[in-house]
Structure formats: C-alpha cells, structure tokens
C-alpha cells in the first residue's frame, strides 16, 4: 500500500498549509495545517491526523497507478 508524507516545502508562517502527498506517485491528497514534515505514514495514520482527507486517501489507495503496477507484476 502507498505511504503518505507531508510536503517539505519551506514554511511561510509558523503553521502553514502543507500538501499531503502519496510517496509512491506524488499525487496530492489535499492540504493540511501542520508545522512539521512527516513521511512514511500509512493511510490509517494519515486519516487519523486529517479525517477530512479520508475519502481522497481511500479512493487513492485503490487507484494509485504505481501501486497497481507493482501488484500486477
């Protein structure tokens, strides 16, 4: 399954909006207010932190092109 990270772009303010990205394909799931960078988050961990991204993450889990390619060989 893909893992997710919070973008590492420089903060403009102390608590800026950062992109929540799939680490496998780089697709943005949405934006979150977060002051630190994270990587290697499972889908469940990302949803726990940002419940409003649940639908986007669950749909992406089944459709991530790179993940589907790896599974099919």
Protein backbone atom coordinates (compact mmCIF):
# COMPACT_ATOMS: atom_id res chain seq x y z
CA UNK A 1 0.00 0.00 0.00
CA UNK A 2 1.20 3.54 -0.64
CA UNK A 3 2.52 5.62 2.23
CA UNK A 4 1.99 9.34 2.65
CA UNK A 5 4.05 12.35 3.63
CA UNK A 6 3.51 15.96 4.49
CA UNK A 7 5.31 18.16 1.99
CA UNK A 8 8.67 19.60 2.93
CA UNK A 9 8.25 22.99 1.26
CA UNK A 10 9.54 25.87 3.40
CA UNK A 11 7.00 27.30 5.82
CA UNK A 12 5.80 30.83 5.12
CA UNK A 13 4.32 31.13 8.59
CA UNK A 14 4.70 29.07 11.74
CA UNK A 15 1.71 26.87 10.91
CA UNK A 16 1.25 26.85 7.15
CA UNK A 17 -0.80 24.69 4.84
CA UNK A 18 1.28 21.79 3.57
CA UNK A 19 0.46 19.23 0.91
CA UNK A 20 -0.26 15.65 1.95
CA UNK A 21 1.35 13.55 -0.78
CA UNK A 22 1.41 9.91 -1.83
CA UNK A 23 5.06 8.82 -1.51
CA UNK A 24 4.66 6.33 -4.34
CA UNK A 25 3.31 8.53 -7.15
CA UNK A 26 3.49 12.06 -5.68
CA UNK A 27 -0.22 12.84 -6.02
CA UNK A 28 -1.53 15.45 -3.59
CA UNK A 29 -4.36 14.21 -1.37
CA UNK A 30 -5.10 17.69 -0.07
CA UNK A 31 -3.63 20.28 2.25
CA UNK A 32 -3.25 20.28 6.00
CA UNK A 33 -2.22 22.78 8.63
CA UNK A 34 0.90 21.25 10.07
CA UNK A 35 4.12 22.73 11.41
CA UNK A 36 6.41 19.75 10.82
CA UNK A 37 7.21 17.36 8.00
CA UNK A 38 6.22 13.70 8.21
CA UNK A 39 6.92 10.75 5.94
CA UNK A 40 6.09 7.05 5.88
CA UNK A 41 2.55 7.48 7.18
CA UNK A 42 0.14 4.64 6.45
CA UNK A 43 -3.30 5.51 5.12
CA UNK A 44 -4.81 4.92 8.57
CA UNK A 45 -2.25 7.19 10.25
CA UNK A 46 -2.85 9.95 7.70
CA UNK A 47 -6.63 9.65 8.14
CA UNK A 48 -6.26 9.78 11.91
CA UNK A 49 -4.34 13.06 11.59
CA UNK A 50 -6.57 14.54 8.87
CA UNK A 51 -10.01 12.89 8.92
CA UNK A 52 -11.33 15.24 6.23
CA UNK A 53 -8.97 13.55 3.72
CA UNK A 54 -10.42 10.08 4.37
CA UNK A 55 -12.36 9.75 1.11
CA UNK A 56 -9.48 11.07 -1.02
CA UNK A 57 -6.99 8.70 0.60
CA UNK A 58 -9.26 5.62 0.43
CA UNK A 59 -10.03 6.22 -3.26
CA UNK A 60 -6.35 6.79 -3.98
CA UNK A 61 -5.42 3.55 -2.19
CA UNK A 62 -7.40 1.59 -4.79
CA UNK A 63 -6.37 3.67 -7.79
CA UNK A 64 -2.71 4.63 -7.30
CA UNK A 65 -1.27 3.76 -10.70
CA UNK A 66 2.20 2.88 -9.42
CA UNK A 67 0.81 0.70 -6.63
CA UNK A 68 -1.46 -1.17 -9.05
CA UNK A 69 1.50 -1.71 -11.44
CA UNK A 70 3.67 -3.17 -8.65
CA UNK A 71 0.95 -5.62 -7.63
CA UNK A 72 0.29 -6.83 -11.16
CA UNK A 73 3.93 -7.63 -11.74
